């Protein structure tokens, strides 16, 4: 059975393996990765395609500012397992992600990708002409789709990362806890 669902912590390893298979290590050098680094995806917008407990598709959307004081989402990466790429699953995943983004009140989505592919989902360069990304990219691949009409009217400026920072473990607390555990074990052994 194939389902689209929210990603869980248990999906991370499979998601990363899928992204590696589809994009290789060069994915970490892309400009959009700078907008994702150290950030959490937008809540409710980290999706996977699950086929009998196997992750065969993934997409995540991230909070950004499309110029000063204009919130939007950045979509990516989106990936489908190469063995099932011709089944229309990428389209289903994209439509689901956009529908969820709209239902959560988001007004616009940007991405960097193949324009002929993303045009079918309503993406174009029409609203990105006065926006720019913090690094190299091909202008004709910088696309946007408004989920609410006019959301990107007159948008201009640098696209920047916003949203929640990634939770990092407190290494000092982990070391202290390990030391406490070691002391407790030593005491019980005596």
C-alpha atoms as a PDB file:
ATOM      1  CA  UNK A   1       0.000   0.000   0.000  1.00  0.00           C
ATOM      2  CA  UNK A   2       1.268   3.497  -0.885  1.00  0.00           C
ATOM      3  CA  UNK A   3       0.499   6.431   1.433  1.00  0.00           C
ATOM      4  CA  UNK A   4       1.655  10.024   1.733  1.00  0.00           C
ATOM      5  CA  UNK A   5       2.184  10.954   5.358  1.00  0.00           C
ATOM      6  CA  UNK A   6       4.141  13.258   7.613  1.00  0.00           C
ATOM      7  CA  UNK A   7       7.732  12.239   8.151  1.00  0.00           C
ATOM      8  CA  UNK A   8       8.680  10.841  11.561  1.00  0.00           C
ATOM      9  CA  UNK A   9      12.025  10.624  13.327  1.00  0.00           C
ATOM     10  CA  UNK A  10      12.236   6.984  12.220  1.00  0.00           C
ATOM     11  CA  UNK A  11      12.193   8.051   8.540  1.00  0.00           C
ATOM     12  CA  UNK A  12      15.300  10.253   8.662  1.00  0.00           C
ATOM     13  CA  UNK A  13      17.859   7.592   7.722  1.00  0.00           C
ATOM     14  CA  UNK A  14      15.743   6.307   4.812  1.00  0.00           C
ATOM     15  CA  UNK A  15      15.030   9.873   3.630  1.00  0.00           C
ATOM     16  CA  UNK A  16      18.724  10.755   3.611  1.00  0.00           C
ATOM     17  CA  UNK A  17      19.583   7.534   1.741  1.00  0.00           C
ATOM     18  CA  UNK A  18      16.916   8.358  -0.868  1.00  0.00           C
ATOM     19  CA  UNK A  19      18.242  11.919  -1.291  1.00  0.00           C
ATOM     20  CA  UNK A  20      21.791  10.566  -1.640  1.00  0.00           C
ATOM     21  CA  UNK A  21      20.628   8.111  -4.319  1.00  0.00           C
ATOM     22  CA  UNK A  22      18.795  10.840  -6.247  1.00  0.00           C
ATOM     23  CA  UNK A  23      21.192  13.783  -5.882  1.00  0.00           C
ATOM     24  CA  UNK A  24      24.494  12.530  -4.469  1.00  0.00           C
ATOM     25  CA  UNK A  25      26.765  14.567  -2.222  1.00  0.00           C
ATOM     26  CA  UNK A  26      26.536  17.632  -4.506  1.00  0.00           C
ATOM     27  CA  UNK A  27      23.134  18.363  -2.945  1.00  0.00           C
ATOM     28  CA  UNK A  28      24.899  19.859   0.072  1.00  0.00           C
ATOM     29  CA  UNK A  29      26.600  22.467  -2.130  1.00  0.00           C
ATOM     30  CA  UNK A  30      23.415  23.938  -3.583  1.00  0.00           C
ATOM     31  CA  UNK A  31      22.344  27.474  -2.730  1.00  0.00           C
ATOM     32  CA  UNK A  32      18.980  26.336  -1.368  1.00  0.00           C
ATOM     33  CA  UNK A  33      20.842  24.172   1.138  1.00  0.00           C
ATOM     34  CA  UNK A  34      22.142  27.425   2.682  1.00  0.00           C
ATOM     35  CA  UNK A  35      18.503  28.339   3.409  1.00  0.00           C
ATOM     36  CA  UNK A  36      17.854  24.955   5.049  1.00  0.00           C
ATOM     37  CA  UNK A  37      21.043  24.634   7.091  1.00  0.00           C
ATOM     38  CA  UNK A  38      20.390  24.580  10.808  1.00  0.00           C
ATOM     39  CA  UNK A  39      16.635  25.015  10.340  1.00  0.00           C
ATOM     40  CA  UNK A  40      13.595  22.849  10.917  1.00  0.00           C
ATOM     41  CA  UNK A  41      11.148  22.272   8.053  1.00  0.00           C
ATOM     42  CA  UNK A  42       7.800  24.043   8.319  1.00  0.00           C
ATOM     43  CA  UNK A  43       5.527  22.173  10.692  1.00  0.00           C
ATOM     44  CA  UNK A  44       3.301  19.666   8.924  1.00  0.00           C
ATOM     45  CA  UNK A  45       5.214  20.072   5.649  1.00  0.00           C
ATOM     46  CA  UNK A  46       7.816  17.324   5.831  1.00  0.00           C
ATOM     47  CA  UNK A  47       6.208  14.520   3.856  1.00  0.00           C
ATOM     48  CA  UNK A  48       7.171  11.041   2.702  1.00  0.00           C
ATOM     49  CA  UNK A  49       5.665   8.451   0.409  1.00  0.00           C
ATOM     50  CA  UNK A  50       5.547   5.187   2.309  1.00  0.00           C
ATOM     51  CA  UNK A  51       5.174   1.924   0.384  1.00  0.00           C
ATOM     52  CA  UNK A  52       4.752  -0.956   2.822  1.00  0.00           C
ATOM     53  CA  UNK A  53       7.108   0.721   5.370  1.00  0.00           C
ATOM     54  CA  UNK A  54       9.669   1.665   2.680  1.00  0.00           C
ATOM     55  CA  UNK A  55      10.292   5.374   2.004  1.00  0.00           C
ATOM     56  CA  UNK A  56      10.118   5.916  -1.761  1.00  0.00           C
ATOM     57  CA  UNK A  57       9.475   9.663  -1.857  1.00  0.00           C
ATOM     58  CA  UNK A  58      10.190  12.776   0.159  1.00  0.00           C
ATOM     59  CA  UNK A  59       9.543  16.509   0.111  1.00  0.00           C
ATOM     60  CA  UNK A  60      10.012  19.215   2.712  1.00  0.00           C
ATOM     61  CA  UNK A  61       9.100  22.891   2.771  1.00  0.00           C
ATOM     62  CA  UNK A  62      10.960  25.538   4.742  1.00  0.00           C
ATOM     63  CA  UNK A  63      10.080  28.983   6.091  1.00  0.00           C
ATOM     64  CA  UNK A  64      11.760  31.832   4.225  1.00  0.00           C
ATOM     65  CA  UNK A  65      11.357  35.553   3.690  1.00  0.00           C
ATOM     66  CA  UNK A  66      10.882  36.467   0.023  1.00  0.00           C
ATOM     67  CA  UNK A  67      12.411  39.879   0.551  1.00  0.00           C
ATOM     68  CA  UNK A  68      11.726  42.086   3.582  1.00  0.00           C
ATOM     69  CA  UNK A  69       8.596  41.283   5.605  1.00  0.00           C
ATOM     70  CA  UNK A  70       7.175  38.773   3.112  1.00  0.00           C
ATOM     71  CA  UNK A  71       6.852  35.226   4.382  1.00  0.00           C
ATOM     72  CA  UNK A  72       6.856  32.284   1.999  1.00  0.00           C
ATOM     73  CA  UNK A  73       8.022  28.692   1.802  1.00  0.00           C
ATOM     74  CA  UNK A  74      10.972  27.154  -0.052  1.00  0.00           C
ATOM     75  CA  UNK A  75      10.219  23.693  -1.427  1.00  0.00           C
ATOM     76  CA  UNK A  76      12.929  21.113  -1.632  1.00  0.00           C
ATOM     77  CA  UNK A  77      14.369  18.834  -2.104  1.00  0.00           C
ATOM     78  CA  UNK A  78      11.706  16.591  -3.577  1.00  0.00           C
ATOM     79  CA  UNK A  79      12.800  13.085  -4.558  1.00  0.00           C
ATOM     80  CA  UNK A  80      11.241   9.844  -5.757  1.00  0.00           C
ATOM     81  CA  UNK A  81      13.041   6.505  -5.716  1.00  0.00           C
ATOM     82  CA  UNK A  82      14.451   5.965  -9.232  1.00  0.00           C
ATOM     83  CA  UNK A  83      12.755   2.554  -9.462  1.00  0.00           C
ATOM     84  CA  UNK A  84       9.280   4.167  -9.322  1.00  0.00           C
ATOM     85  CA  UNK A  85       9.868   7.550 -10.978  1.00  0.00           C
ATOM     86  CA  UNK A  86       7.561   6.908 -13.921  1.00  0.00           C
ATOM     87  CA  UNK A  87       4.439   6.185 -11.825  1.00  0.00           C
ATOM     88  CA  UNK A  88       3.309   9.786 -11.207  1.00  0.00           C
ATOM     89  CA  UNK A  89       4.231   9.713  -7.536  1.00  0.00           C
ATOM     90  CA  UNK A  90       6.227  12.947  -7.737  1.00  0.00           C
ATOM     91  CA  UNK A  91       3.149  14.765  -8.999  1.00  0.00           C
ATOM     92  CA  UNK A  92       0.982  13.305  -6.262  1.00  0.00           C
ATOM     93  CA  UNK A  93       3.530  14.283  -3.622  1.00  0.00           C
ATOM     94  CA  UNK A  94       3.848  17.818  -5.031  1.00  0.00           C
ATOM     95  CA  UNK A  95       0.078  18.349  -5.144  1.00  0.00           C
ATOM     96  CA  UNK A  96      -0.286  17.046  -1.590  1.00  0.00           C
ATOM     97  CA  UNK A  97       2.503  19.322  -0.318  1.00  0.00           C
ATOM     98  CA  UNK A  98       0.962  22.392  -1.990  1.00  0.00           C
ATOM     99  CA  UNK A  99      -2.530  21.548  -0.724  1.00  0.00           C
ATOM    100  CA  UNK A 100      -1.237  21.124   2.835  1.00  0.00           C
ATOM    101  CA  UNK A 101       0.732  24.368   2.622  1.00  0.00           C
ATOM    102  CA  UNK A 102      -2.379  26.229   1.476  1.00  0.00           C
ATOM    103  CA  UNK A 103      -4.551  24.652   4.177  1.00  0.00           C
ATOM    104  CA  UNK A 104      -1.990  25.711   6.811  1.00  0.00           C
ATOM    105  CA  UNK A 105      -2.326  29.326   5.654  1.00  0.00           C
ATOM    106  CA  UNK A 106       0.886  29.711   3.667  1.00  0.00           C
ATOM    107  CA  UNK A 107       0.616  32.171   0.793  1.00  0.00           C
ATOM    108  CA  UNK A 108       3.497  31.375  -1.593  1.00  0.00           C
ATOM    109  CA  UNK A 109       6.071  28.702  -2.433  1.00  0.00           C
ATOM    110  CA  UNK A 110       9.438  29.187  -4.137  1.00  0.00           C
ATOM    111  CA  UNK A 111      11.848  26.587  -5.469  1.00  0.00           C
ATOM    112  CA  UNK A 112      14.825  26.099  -7.732  1.00  0.00           C
ATOM    113  CA  UNK A 113      14.130  23.441 -10.329  1.00  0.00           C
ATOM    114  CA  UNK A 114      13.334  22.412 -13.872  1.00  0.00           C
ATOM    115  CA  UNK A 115      10.772  24.936 -15.156  1.00  0.00           C
ATOM    116  CA  UNK A 116       9.107  22.605 -17.712  1.00  0.00           C
ATOM    117  CA  UNK A 117       8.438  20.053 -14.952  1.00  0.00           C
ATOM    118  CA  UNK A 118       7.171  22.507 -12.321  1.00  0.00           C
ATOM    119  CA  UNK A 119       4.999  24.562 -14.716  1.00  0.00           C
ATOM    120  CA  UNK A 120       2.298  21.886 -14.458  1.00  0.00           C
ATOM    121  CA  UNK A 121       1.969  22.750 -10.753  1.00  0.00           C
ATOM    122  CA  UNK A 122       1.629  26.471 -11.447  1.00  0.00           C
ATOM    123  CA  UNK A 123       5.268  27.520 -10.898  1.00  0.00           C
ATOM    124  CA  UNK A 124       6.905  30.165 -13.084  1.00  0.00           C
ATOM    125  CA  UNK A 125       9.572  32.871 -13.062  1.00  0.00           C
ATOM    126  CA  UNK A 126       6.912  35.584 -13.227  1.00  0.00           C
ATOM    127  CA  UNK A 127       7.197  36.578  -9.530  1.00  0.00           C
ATOM    128  CA  UNK A 128      10.919  35.905  -8.923  1.00  0.00           C
ATOM    129  CA  UNK A 129      12.423  38.580 -11.184  1.00  0.00           C
ATOM    130  CA  UNK A 130      13.125  41.031  -8.343  1.00  0.00           C
ATOM    131  CA  UNK A 131      14.178  38.373  -5.830  1.00  0.00           C
ATOM    132  CA  UNK A 132      17.586  36.774  -5.492  1.00  0.00           C
ATOM    133  CA  UNK A 133      19.104  33.877  -3.597  1.00  0.00           C
ATOM    134  CA  UNK A 134      22.198  33.935  -1.335  1.00  0.00           C
ATOM    135  CA  UNK A 135      24.510  32.127  -3.732  1.00  0.00           C
ATOM    136  CA  UNK A 136      24.799  30.886  -7.306  1.00  0.00           C
ATOM    137  CA  UNK A 137      21.716  29.662  -9.158  1.00  0.00           C
ATOM    138  CA  UNK A 138      20.287  29.703 -12.650  1.00  0.00           C
ATOM    139  CA  UNK A 139      17.754  32.528 -12.917  1.00  0.00           C
ATOM    140  CA  UNK A 140      15.466  30.504 -15.243  1.00  0.00           C
ATOM    141  CA  UNK A 141      15.215  27.770 -12.575  1.00  0.00           C
ATOM    142  CA  UNK A 142      14.158  30.124  -9.753  1.00  0.00           C
ATOM    143  CA  UNK A 143      10.387  29.643  -9.677  1.00  0.00           C
ATOM    144  CA  UNK A 144       7.410  30.644  -7.548  1.00  0.00           C
ATOM    145  CA  UNK A 145       3.766  29.817  -7.120  1.00  0.00           C
ATOM    146  CA  UNK A 146       1.311  31.918  -5.214  1.00  0.00           C
ATOM    147  CA  UNK A 147      -1.124  29.939  -3.079  1.00  0.00           C
ATOM    148  CA  UNK A 148      -3.010  33.182  -2.509  1.00  0.00           C
ATOM    149  CA  UNK A 149      -3.358  35.627  -5.386  1.00  0.00           C
ATOM    150  CA  UNK A 150      -1.079  38.643  -4.998  1.00  0.00           C
ATOM    151  CA  UNK A 151       1.067  37.092  -2.262  1.00  0.00           C
ATOM    152  CA  UNK A 152       4.270  37.915  -4.161  1.00  0.00           C
ATOM    153  CA  UNK A 153       3.166  41.146  -5.845  1.00  0.00           C
ATOM    154  CA  UNK A 154       6.123  43.564  -5.767  1.00  0.00           C
ATOM    155  CA  UNK A 155       8.286  41.070  -3.853  1.00  0.00           C
ATOM    156  CA  UNK A 156      11.900  42.166  -4.080  1.00  0.00           C
ATOM    157  CA  UNK A 157      15.159  41.559  -2.296  1.00  0.00           C
ATOM    158  CA  UNK A 158      17.183  38.733  -0.858  1.00  0.00           C
ATOM    159  CA  UNK A 159      15.475  35.456   0.004  1.00  0.00           C
ATOM    160  CA  UNK A 160      16.504  34.549   3.542  1.00  0.00           C
ATOM    161  CA  UNK A 161      15.941  31.709   5.984  1.00  0.00           C
ATOM    162  CA  UNK A 162      13.408  32.122   8.770  1.00  0.00           C
ATOM    163  CA  UNK A 163      11.603  29.615  10.967  1.00  0.00           C
ATOM    164  CA  UNK A 164      12.666  27.442  13.854  1.00  0.00           C
ATOM    165  CA  UNK A 165      16.286  26.559  14.383  1.00  0.00           C
ATOM    166  CA  UNK A 166      17.226  22.904  14.408  1.00  0.00           C
ATOM    167  CA  UNK A 167      17.346  21.434  17.896  1.00  0.00           C
ATOM    168  CA  UNK A 168      20.907  20.575  18.833  1.00  0.00           C
ATOM    169  CA  UNK A 169      21.779  18.275  21.723  1.00  0.00           C
ATOM    170  CA  UNK A 170      23.301  19.926  24.780  1.00  0.00           C
ATOM    171  CA  UNK A 171      26.694  18.200  24.729  1.00  0.00           C
ATOM    172  CA  UNK A 172      27.573  19.451  28.217  1.00  0.00           C
ATOM    173  CA  UNK A 173      24.423  17.870  29.632  1.00  0.00           C
ATOM    174  CA  UNK A 174      25.111  14.616  27.766  1.00  0.00           C
ATOM    175  CA  UNK A 175      28.671  14.439  29.137  1.00  0.00           C
ATOM    176  CA  UNK A 176      27.437  15.245  32.657  1.00  0.00           C
ATOM    177  CA  UNK A 177      24.734  12.570  32.407  1.00  0.00           C
ATOM    178  CA  UNK A 178      27.255  10.004  31.171  1.00  0.00           C
ATOM    179  CA  UNK A 179      29.602  10.895  34.024  1.00  0.00           C
ATOM    180  CA  UNK A 180      26.754  10.581  36.538  1.00  0.00           C
ATOM    181  CA  UNK A 181      25.866   7.189  35.088  1.00  0.00           C
ATOM    182  CA  UNK A 182      29.476   6.042  35.302  1.00  0.00           C
ATOM    183  CA  UNK A 183      29.698   7.181  38.933  1.00  0.00           C
ATOM    184  CA  UNK A 184      26.463   5.415  39.808  1.00  0.00           C
ATOM    185  CA  UNK A 185      27.744   2.223  38.187  1.00  0.00           C
ATOM    186  CA  UNK A 186      31.032   2.489  40.079  1.00  0.00           C
ATOM    187  CA  UNK A 187      29.229   3.017  43.392  1.00  0.00           C
ATOM    188  CA  UNK A 188      27.013  -0.004  42.872  1.00  0.00           C
ATOM    189  CA  UNK A 189      30.041  -2.146  41.986  1.00  0.00           C
ATOM    190  CA  UNK A 190      31.754  -1.230  45.273  1.00  0.00           C
END
